[in-house]
C-alpha atoms as a PDB file:
ATOM      1  CA  MET A   1      95.423  36.016  61.376  1.00  0.00           C
ATOM      2  CA  VAL A   2      93.797  37.232  58.267  1.00  0.00           C
ATOM      3  CA  LEU A   3      90.862  35.876  56.690  1.00  0.00           C
ATOM      4  CA  LEU A   4      91.872  34.202  52.990  1.00  0.00           C
ATOM      5  CA  ARG A   5      88.128  34.566  51.682  1.00  0.00           C
ATOM      6  CA  LEU A   6      89.148  32.943  48.305  1.00  0.00           C
ATOM      7  CA  GLU A   7      91.497  30.851  49.370  1.00  0.00           C
ATOM      8  CA  GLY A   8      92.516  27.702  46.263  1.00  0.00           C
ATOM      9  CA  LYS A   9      89.942  29.641  44.241  1.00  0.00           C
ATOM     10  CA  VAL A  10      90.575  30.060  40.223  1.00  0.00           C
ATOM     11  CA  ALA A  11      89.873  33.297  38.977  1.00  0.00           C
ATOM     12  CA  LEU A  12      90.150  34.682  35.748  1.00  0.00           C
ATOM     13  CA  ILE A  13      89.529  38.481  35.371  1.00  0.00           C
ATOM     14  CA  THR A  14      89.544  40.246  31.791  1.00  0.00           C
ATOM     15  CA  GLY A  15      90.937  44.174  31.220  1.00  0.00           C
ATOM     16  CA  ALA A  16      92.770  43.631  34.241  1.00  0.00           C
ATOM     17  CA  ALA A  17      96.066  45.288  32.807  1.00  0.00           C
ATOM     18  CA  SER A  18      94.937  48.731  34.595  1.00  0.00           C
ATOM     19  CA  GLY A  19      92.328  49.940  36.540  1.00  0.00           C
ATOM     20  CA  ILE A  20      89.458  48.088  38.738  1.00  0.00           C
ATOM     21  CA  GLY A  21      90.689  44.796  36.877  1.00  0.00           C
ATOM     22  CA  GLU A  22      94.339  45.357  38.218  1.00  0.00           C
ATOM     23  CA  GLU A  23      92.734  46.258  41.440  1.00  0.00           C
ATOM     24  CA  THR A  24      90.796  43.211  41.921  1.00  0.00           C
ATOM     25  CA  ALA A  25      93.588  41.023  40.700  1.00  0.00           C
ATOM     26  CA  ARG A  26      95.736  42.100  43.299  1.00  0.00           C
ATOM     27  CA  LEU A  27      92.978  41.771  45.898  1.00  0.00           C
ATOM     28  CA  PHE A  28      91.803  38.172  44.642  1.00  0.00           C
ATOM     29  CA  VAL A  29      95.621  37.167  45.645  1.00  0.00           C
ATOM     30  CA  GLN A  30      96.043  38.356  48.775  1.00  0.00           C
ATOM     31  CA  HIS A  31      92.649  36.755  49.551  1.00  0.00           C
ATOM     32  CA  GLY A  32      94.538  33.408  48.558  1.00  0.00           C
ATOM     33  CA  ALA A  33      93.363  33.153  44.977  1.00  0.00           C
ATOM     34  CA  PHE A  34      95.304  32.096  41.703  1.00  0.00           C
ATOM     35  CA  VAL A  35      94.535  34.349  38.933  1.00  0.00           C
ATOM     36  CA  VAL A  36      94.912  34.987  34.864  1.00  0.00           C
ATOM     37  CA  ILE A  37      94.990  38.517  33.998  1.00  0.00           C
ATOM     38  CA  ALA A  38      93.313  38.827  30.424  1.00  0.00           C
ATOM     39  CA  ASP A  39      93.946  42.135  28.380  1.00  0.00           C
ATOM     40  CA  VAL A  40      94.741  43.140  24.972  1.00  0.00           C
ATOM     41  CA  GLN A  41      97.815  45.657  27.028  1.00  0.00           C
ATOM     42  CA  ASP A  42     100.722  42.665  27.086  1.00  0.00           C
ATOM     43  CA  ASP A  43     103.143  44.875  27.910  1.00  0.00           C
ATOM     44  CA  LEU A  44     101.392  45.908  31.003  1.00  0.00           C
ATOM     45  CA  GLY A  45      99.630  42.981  31.849  1.00  0.00           C
ATOM     46  CA  ASN A  46     102.753  41.298  32.257  1.00  0.00           C
ATOM     47  CA  ARG A  47     104.140  43.901  34.420  1.00  0.00           C
ATOM     48  CA  VAL A  48     101.154  43.373  36.678  1.00  0.00           C
ATOM     49  CA  ALA A  49     101.468  39.775  36.738  1.00  0.00           C
ATOM     50  CA  GLU A  50     105.272  40.013  37.468  1.00  0.00           C
ATOM     51  CA  SER A  51     104.686  42.990  40.339  1.00  0.00           C
ATOM     52  CA  ILE A  52     102.126  40.444  42.225  1.00  0.00           C
ATOM     53  CA  GLY A  53     104.125  37.245  41.551  1.00  0.00           C
ATOM     54  CA  LEU A  54     103.912  34.744  38.704  1.00  0.00           C
ATOM     55  CA  ASP A  55     103.475  31.833  41.355  1.00  0.00           C
ATOM     56  CA  LYS A  56      99.783  33.253  41.968  1.00  0.00           C
ATOM     57  CA  VAL A  57      99.076  35.347  38.647  1.00  0.00           C
ATOM     58  CA  SER A  58      99.763  34.614  34.803  1.00  0.00           C
ATOM     59  CA  TYR A  59      99.094  36.753  32.103  1.00  0.00           C
ATOM     60  CA  ARG A  60      96.593  35.451  28.778  1.00  0.00           C
ATOM     61  CA  ASN A  61      95.926  37.900  26.170  1.00  0.00           C
ATOM     62  CA  CYS A  62      92.562  38.153  24.999  1.00  0.00           C
ATOM     63  CA  ASP A  63      90.114  40.363  22.719  1.00  0.00           C
ATOM     64  CA  VAL A  64      86.937  39.494  24.136  1.00  0.00           C
ATOM     65  CA  ARG A  65      85.714  40.775  21.016  1.00  0.00           C
ATOM     66  CA  ASP A  66      86.974  37.542  19.418  1.00  0.00           C
ATOM     67  CA  GLU A  67      84.986  34.454  20.804  1.00  0.00           C
ATOM     68  CA  LYS A  68      87.784  31.906  19.997  1.00  0.00           C
ATOM     69  CA  GLN A  69      90.484  34.317  21.883  1.00  0.00           C
ATOM     70  CA  VAL A  70      87.690  34.078  25.110  1.00  0.00           C
ATOM     71  CA  GLU A  71      87.202  30.151  24.408  1.00  0.00           C
ATOM     72  CA  GLU A  72      91.394  29.981  24.805  1.00  0.00           C
ATOM     73  CA  ALA A  73      91.433  32.298  27.794  1.00  0.00           C
ATOM     74  CA  VAL A  74      89.115  29.771  29.548  1.00  0.00           C
ATOM     75  CA  SER A  75      91.078  26.765  28.447  1.00  0.00           C
ATOM     76  CA  TYR A  76      94.183  28.031  29.615  1.00  0.00           C
ATOM     77  CA  THR A  77      93.117  29.046  32.793  1.00  0.00           C
ATOM     78  CA  VAL A  78      91.766  25.457  33.236  1.00  0.00           C
ATOM     79  CA  GLU A  79      94.711  23.514  31.944  1.00  0.00           C
ATOM     80  CA  LYS A  80      96.700  25.713  34.261  1.00  0.00           C
ATOM     81  CA  TYR A  81      94.841  25.525  37.664  1.00  0.00           C
ATOM     82  CA  GLY A  82      92.852  22.541  36.985  1.00  0.00           C
ATOM     83  CA  LYS A  83      89.282  24.596  37.420  1.00  0.00           C
ATOM     84  CA  LEU A  84      87.792  27.656  37.196  1.00  0.00           C
ATOM     85  CA  ASP A  85      85.586  29.107  40.518  1.00  0.00           C
ATOM     86  CA  ILE A  86      85.324  32.657  39.336  1.00  0.00           C
ATOM     87  CA  LEU A  87      85.059  35.100  36.158  1.00  0.00           C
ATOM     88  CA  PHE A  88      85.205  38.885  36.653  1.00  0.00           C
ATOM     89  CA  SER A  89      84.186  39.796  33.164  1.00  0.00           C
ATOM     90  CA  ASN A  90      85.794  43.517  33.687  1.00  0.00           C
ATOM     91  CA  ALA A  91      87.013  44.526  30.179  1.00  0.00           C
ATOM     92  CA  GLY A  92      85.141  47.052  28.382  1.00  0.00           C
ATOM     93  CA  ILE A  93      85.486  50.449  26.460  1.00  0.00           C
ATOM     94  CA  LEU A  94      83.885  54.016  26.574  1.00  0.00           C
ATOM     95  CA  GLY A  95      83.704  55.236  23.596  1.00  0.00           C
ATOM     96  CA  PRO A  96      83.527  59.040  21.950  1.00  0.00           C
ATOM     97  CA  LEU A  97      81.476  61.432  24.033  1.00  0.00           C
ATOM     98  CA  THR A  98      79.435  62.295  21.194  1.00  0.00           C
ATOM     99  CA  GLY A  99      75.496  62.766  20.892  1.00  0.00           C
ATOM    100  CA  ILE A 100      72.990  61.012  19.062  1.00  0.00           C
ATOM    101  CA  LEU A 101      72.833  63.496  16.292  1.00  0.00           C
ATOM    102  CA  GLU A 102      76.512  62.663  15.950  1.00  0.00           C
ATOM    103  CA  LEU A 103      76.405  58.885  16.543  1.00  0.00           C
ATOM    104  CA  ASP A 104      79.093  57.003  14.504  1.00  0.00           C
ATOM    105  CA  ILE A 105      77.453  53.588  13.816  1.00  0.00           C
ATOM    106  CA  ASP A 106      80.607  51.935  13.374  1.00  0.00           C
ATOM    107  CA  THR A 107      81.762  52.796  16.875  1.00  0.00           C
ATOM    108  CA  PHE A 108      78.983  52.106  18.029  1.00  0.00           C
ATOM    109  CA  ASP A 109      78.968  48.576  16.944  1.00  0.00           C
ATOM    110  CA  ASP A 110      82.497  48.426  18.530  1.00  0.00           C
ATOM    111  CA  ILE A 111      80.996  49.403  21.758  1.00  0.00           C
ATOM    112  CA  MET A 112      78.220  46.796  21.592  1.00  0.00           C
ATOM    113  CA  ALA A 113      80.478  44.035  20.246  1.00  0.00           C
ATOM    114  CA  THR A 114      83.527  44.870  23.399  1.00  0.00           C
ATOM    115  CA  ASN A 115      81.350  45.220  26.355  1.00  0.00           C
ATOM    116  CA  VAL A 116      78.109  43.401  25.417  1.00  0.00           C
ATOM    117  CA  ARG A 117      79.226  40.541  22.701  1.00  0.00           C
ATOM    118  CA  GLY A 118      82.270  39.980  24.751  1.00  0.00           C
ATOM    119  CA  THR A 119      80.923  39.592  28.414  1.00  0.00           C
ATOM    120  CA  ALA A 120      78.458  37.258  26.802  1.00  0.00           C
ATOM    121  CA  ALA A 121      80.728  35.329  25.209  1.00  0.00           C
ATOM    122  CA  MET A 122      82.812  35.259  28.838  1.00  0.00           C
ATOM    123  CA  ILE A 123      80.030  34.346  30.532  1.00  0.00           C
ATOM    124  CA  LYS A 124      79.366  31.014  28.277  1.00  0.00           C
ATOM    125  CA  HIS A 125      82.849  29.964  28.252  1.00  0.00           C
ATOM    126  CA  ALA A 126      83.397  30.102  31.892  1.00  0.00           C
ATOM    127  CA  ALA A 127      79.732  28.771  32.536  1.00  0.00           C
ATOM    128  CA  ARG A 128      80.682  25.922  30.236  1.00  0.00           C
ATOM    129  CA  ALA A 129      84.146  25.361  32.278  1.00  0.00           C
ATOM    130  CA  MET A 130      82.335  25.636  35.737  1.00  0.00           C
ATOM    131  CA  VAL A 131      79.456  23.011  34.626  1.00  0.00           C
ATOM    132  CA  ALA A 132      82.118  20.329  33.679  1.00  0.00           C
ATOM    133  CA  LYS A 133      83.792  20.670  36.525  1.00  0.00           C
ATOM    134  CA  LYS A 134      80.671  20.732  38.649  1.00  0.00           C
ATOM    135  CA  THR A 135      82.271  23.596  40.291  1.00  0.00           C
ATOM    136  CA  ARG A 136      79.810  26.646  42.160  1.00  0.00           C
ATOM    137  CA  GLY A 137      81.203  29.328  40.638  1.00  0.00           C
ATOM    138  CA  SER A 138      80.503  32.940  40.456  1.00  0.00           C
ATOM    139  CA  ILE A 139      80.442  34.943  37.781  1.00  0.00           C
ATOM    140  CA  ILE A 140      80.865  38.761  37.993  1.00  0.00           C
ATOM    141  CA  CYS A 141      80.313  41.924  35.190  1.00  0.00           C
ATOM    142  CA  THR A 142      81.080  44.982  35.500  1.00  0.00           C
ATOM    143  CA  ALA A 143      78.077  47.509  34.330  1.00  0.00           C
ATOM    144  CA  SER A 144      78.101  50.982  35.570  1.00  0.00           C
ATOM    145  CA  ILE A 145      75.432  54.156  37.131  1.00  0.00           C
ATOM    146  CA  ALA A 146      74.925  54.550  33.410  1.00  0.00           C
ATOM    147  CA  SER A 147      73.052  50.824  33.226  1.00  0.00           C
ATOM    148  CA  CYS A 148      70.357  52.606  35.893  1.00  0.00           C
ATOM    149  CA  LEU A 149      70.658  56.016  34.399  1.00  0.00           C
ATOM    150  CA  GLY A 150      70.520  57.899  31.224  1.00  0.00           C
ATOM    151  CA  GLY A 151      72.638  60.767  30.765  1.00  0.00           C
ATOM    152  CA  THR A 152      75.487  59.774  32.840  1.00  0.00           C
ATOM    153  CA  GLY A 153      77.820  58.460  29.651  1.00  0.00           C
ATOM    154  CA  PRO A 154      77.996  58.710  25.900  1.00  0.00           C
ATOM    155  CA  HIS A 155      74.962  56.461  24.272  1.00  0.00           C
ATOM    156  CA  GLY A 156      76.664  53.102  22.508  1.00  0.00           C
ATOM    157  CA  TYR A 157      78.119  53.075  26.417  1.00  0.00           C
ATOM    158  CA  THR A 158      74.603  53.310  28.239  1.00  0.00           C
ATOM    159  CA  ALA A 159      73.166  51.020  25.755  1.00  0.00           C
ATOM    160  CA  SER A 160      75.984  48.055  26.357  1.00  0.00           C
ATOM    161  CA  LYS A 161      75.631  48.683  30.052  1.00  0.00           C
ATOM    162  CA  HIS A 162      72.100  48.324  30.405  1.00  0.00           C
ATOM    163  CA  ALA A 163      72.529  45.088  28.129  1.00  0.00           C
ATOM    164  CA  ILE A 164      75.069  43.526  30.774  1.00  0.00           C
ATOM    165  CA  VAL A 165      72.434  43.604  33.107  1.00  0.00           C
ATOM    166  CA  GLY A 166      70.288  42.048  30.887  1.00  0.00           C
ATOM    167  CA  LEU A 167      72.878  39.546  30.157  1.00  0.00           C
ATOM    168  CA  VAL A 168      73.326  38.912  33.864  1.00  0.00           C
ATOM    169  CA  ARG A 169      69.435  38.583  34.892  1.00  0.00           C
ATOM    170  CA  GLY A 170      68.840  36.231  32.182  1.00  0.00           C
ATOM    171  CA  THR A 171      72.223  33.995  32.907  1.00  0.00           C
ATOM    172  CA  CYS A 172      71.112  33.759  36.580  1.00  0.00           C
ATOM    173  CA  SER A 173      67.629  32.398  35.996  1.00  0.00           C
ATOM    174  CA  GLU A 174      69.522  29.469  33.708  1.00  0.00           C
ATOM    175  CA  LEU A 175      72.833  29.109  35.319  1.00  0.00           C
ATOM    176  CA  GLY A 176      71.623  28.783  39.111  1.00  0.00           C
ATOM    177  CA  ALA A 177      70.479  25.006  38.443  1.00  0.00           C
ATOM    178  CA  HIS A 178      74.195  24.522  38.369  1.00  0.00           C
ATOM    179  CA  GLY A 179      75.033  25.930  41.527  1.00  0.00           C
ATOM    180  CA  ILE A 180      76.768  29.105  39.541  1.00  0.00           C
ATOM    181  CA  ARG A 181      75.679  32.787  40.686  1.00  0.00           C
ATOM    182  CA  VAL A 182      75.928  35.607  37.902  1.00  0.00           C
ATOM    183  CA  ASN A 183      76.206  39.675  39.654  1.00  0.00           C
ATOM    184  CA  CYS A 184      76.833  42.731  38.118  1.00  0.00           C
ATOM    185  CA  VAL A 185      78.671  45.770  39.565  1.00  0.00           C
ATOM    186  CA  SER A 186      78.132  49.270  38.874  1.00  0.00           C
ATOM    187  CA  PRO A 187      80.414  51.554  39.629  1.00  0.00           C
ATOM    188  CA  TYR A 188      79.981  55.553  40.037  1.00  0.00           C
ATOM    189  CA  GLY A 189      82.778  57.549  38.417  1.00  0.00           C
ATOM    190  CA  VAL A 190      86.455  56.023  39.245  1.00  0.00           C
ATOM    191  CA  ALA A 191      89.540  57.768  37.893  1.00  0.00           C
ATOM    192  CA  THR A 192      90.470  54.689  35.788  1.00  0.00           C
ATOM    193  CA  PRO A 193      92.955  55.003  32.739  1.00  0.00           C
ATOM    194  CA  LEU A 194      89.660  54.414  30.750  1.00  0.00           C
ATOM    195  CA  VAL A 195      87.686  57.236  31.921  1.00  0.00           C
ATOM    196  CA  CYS A 196      90.930  59.751  32.333  1.00  0.00           C
ATOM    197  CA  ARG A 197      91.513  59.000  28.601  1.00  0.00           C
ATOM    198  CA  ALA A 198      88.143  59.740  27.849  1.00  0.00           C
ATOM    199  CA  TYR A 199      87.668  63.039  29.276  1.00  0.00           C
ATOM    200  CA  ASN A 200      91.216  64.131  28.548  1.00  0.00           C
ATOM    201  CA  TRP A 201      91.406  64.952  32.917  1.00  0.00           C
ATOM    202  CA  GLU A 202      94.053  63.687  35.137  1.00  0.00           C
ATOM    203  CA  PRO A 203      92.880  61.718  37.935  1.00  0.00           C
ATOM    204  CA  SER A 204      92.802  63.966  40.555  1.00  0.00           C
ATOM    205  CA  GLU A 205      90.030  65.736  38.138  1.00  0.00           C
ATOM    206  CA  VAL A 206      87.820  62.814  37.430  1.00  0.00           C
ATOM    207  CA  GLU A 207      87.673  62.354  41.445  1.00  0.00           C
ATOM    208  CA  ALA A 208      87.053  66.217  41.887  1.00  0.00           C
ATOM    209  CA  ASN A 209      84.165  66.059  39.497  1.00  0.00           C
ATOM    210  CA  SER A 210      82.595  63.066  40.745  1.00  0.00           C
ATOM    211  CA  CYS A 211      82.885  64.023  44.421  1.00  0.00           C
ATOM    212  CA  SER A 212      81.351  67.543  43.453  1.00  0.00           C
ATOM    213  CA  MET A 213      78.333  65.855  41.709  1.00  0.00           C
ATOM    214  CA  GLY A 214      78.069  62.671  44.504  1.00  0.00           C
ATOM    215  CA  ASN A 215      75.641  61.946  46.791  1.00  0.00           C
ATOM    216  CA  LEU A 216      77.474  60.586  49.271  1.00  0.00           C
ATOM    217  CA  LYS A 217      79.973  63.207  50.741  1.00  0.00           C
ATOM    218  CA  GLY A 218      83.774  62.906  52.865  1.00  0.00           C
ATOM    219  CA  ILE A 219      84.802  60.217  50.908  1.00  0.00           C
ATOM    220  CA  VAL A 220      87.039  59.636  47.291  1.00  0.00           C
ATOM    221  CA  LEU A 221      85.541  56.516  45.216  1.00  0.00           C
ATOM    222  CA  LYS A 222      88.542  54.625  44.464  1.00  0.00           C
ATOM    223  CA  ALA A 223      89.518  51.422  42.315  1.00  0.00           C
ATOM    224  CA  ARG A 224      90.036  49.587  45.497  1.00  0.00           C
ATOM    225  CA  HIS A 225      86.520  50.035  46.998  1.00  0.00           C
ATOM    226  CA  ILE A 226      85.059  48.287  43.737  1.00  0.00           C
ATOM    227  CA  ALA A 227      87.262  45.531  44.117  1.00  0.00           C
ATOM    228  CA  GLU A 228      86.606  44.992  47.293  1.00  0.00           C
ATOM    229  CA  THR A 229      82.932  44.558  45.962  1.00  0.00           C
ATOM    230  CA  VAL A 230      83.724  42.345  43.259  1.00  0.00           C
ATOM    231  CA  LEU A 231      85.512  40.142  46.366  1.00  0.00           C
ATOM    232  CA  PHE A 232      82.438  40.124  48.192  1.00  0.00           C
ATOM    233  CA  LEU A 233      80.418  38.757  45.220  1.00  0.00           C
ATOM    234  CA  ALA A 234      82.851  36.319  44.420  1.00  0.00           C
ATOM    235  CA  SER A 235      83.428  34.925  47.923  1.00  0.00           C
ATOM    236  CA  ASP A 236      81.179  32.825  49.940  1.00  0.00           C
ATOM    237  CA  GLU A 237      79.885  35.537  51.957  1.00  0.00           C
ATOM    238  CA  SER A 238      77.496  36.545  49.149  1.00  0.00           C
ATOM    239  CA  ALA A 239      76.512  32.694  48.814  1.00  0.00           C
ATOM    240  CA  TYR A 240      72.875  32.903  47.803  1.00  0.00           C
ATOM    241  CA  ILE A 241      73.004  36.599  45.935  1.00  0.00           C
ATOM    242  CA  SER A 242      72.756  36.202  42.482  1.00  0.00           C
ATOM    243  CA  GLY A 243      70.784  38.028  39.483  1.00  0.00           C
ATOM    244  CA  GLN A 244      72.104  41.608  41.440  1.00  0.00           C
ATOM    245  CA  ASN A 245      73.132  45.187  40.387  1.00  0.00           C
ATOM    246  CA  LEU A 246      75.307  46.356  43.077  1.00  0.00           C
ATOM    247  CA  ALA A 247      75.535  49.892  42.554  1.00  0.00           C
ATOM    248  CA  VAL A 248      78.803  51.373  44.591  1.00  0.00           C
ATOM    249  CA  ASP A 249      77.563  55.031  43.851  1.00  0.00           C
ATOM    250  CA  GLY A 250      77.025  56.268  47.127  1.00  0.00           C
ATOM    251  CA  GLY A 251      73.376  56.239  46.922  1.00  0.00           C
ATOM    252  CA  PHE A 252      73.708  58.152  43.265  1.00  0.00           C
ATOM    253  CA  THR A 253      71.264  56.017  41.349  1.00  0.00           C
ATOM    254  CA  VAL A 254      68.380  56.392  43.409  1.00  0.00           C
ATOM    255  CA  VAL A 255      68.553  60.254  44.617  1.00  0.00           C
ATOM    256  CA  ASN A 256      66.837  62.800  43.235  1.00  0.00           C
ATOM    257  CA  GLN A 257      69.705  65.235  42.749  1.00  0.00           C
ATOM    258  CA  VAL A 258      67.207  68.393  41.599  1.00  0.00           C
ATOM    259  CA  VAL A 259      65.289  67.802  44.723  1.00  0.00           C
ATOM    260  CA  SER A 260      67.925  67.400  47.220  1.00  0.00           C
ATOM    261  CA  SER A 261      69.478  70.376  45.884  1.00  0.00           C
ATOM    262  CA  LEU A 262      66.273  72.327  46.834  1.00  0.00           C
ATOM    263  CA  THR A 263      66.230  70.846  50.516  1.00  0.00           C
ATOM    264  CA  ASN A 264      69.776  72.014  51.113  1.00  0.00           C
END
């Protein structure tokens, strides 16, 4: 008998039309959850919802930069399923791979609006719904190893992911009084469509690059590994874990790569 770790739970996942968000939506449903997929990629989002099953999944267009749309996505979820137990705030953009000397400030603003402002709006409105329903909810945000280290992504992206960790820690301190947990997950390099487009690489090239630079050998990091971590943080198995930035990186952010190379 398979243990359904989210049986009867209701989840809202942003950026769920592809990549980590899509994998998480599929996994959540396998574990008994009802899921609202929120994204701006309507064709992809609807196809994902249909492929999983419209009895368990709904698609909602939502640009997280627009707080009104965020509020409406949360309201839609509660109206359709009666509550909101889990928010996975996963929508984000990487931005161009330019240095600080060529930084375009308008593009920087867009990255911050999507990754940080969007995450703040999602936490705000999801938490309001959870507090109103007295739900002991779980909020998970996608950060990155760029939230722990410099030089692993573009400057705007790195700044935004550091800010997400700050949001998680700050809101954890407030929402704990309501029984709501807030955490984030920080993946190492995964061959998502977002990353492949940014580098103009095939998934196999992204994975080969990550494997060559990674600390943990003998395994290729997949979106499914991140989804399984999010499942853990969403489930009662992590019932007393809050305010954490859980790196799924094979030890990359805690190992001095220079020293390691000298000892090999």
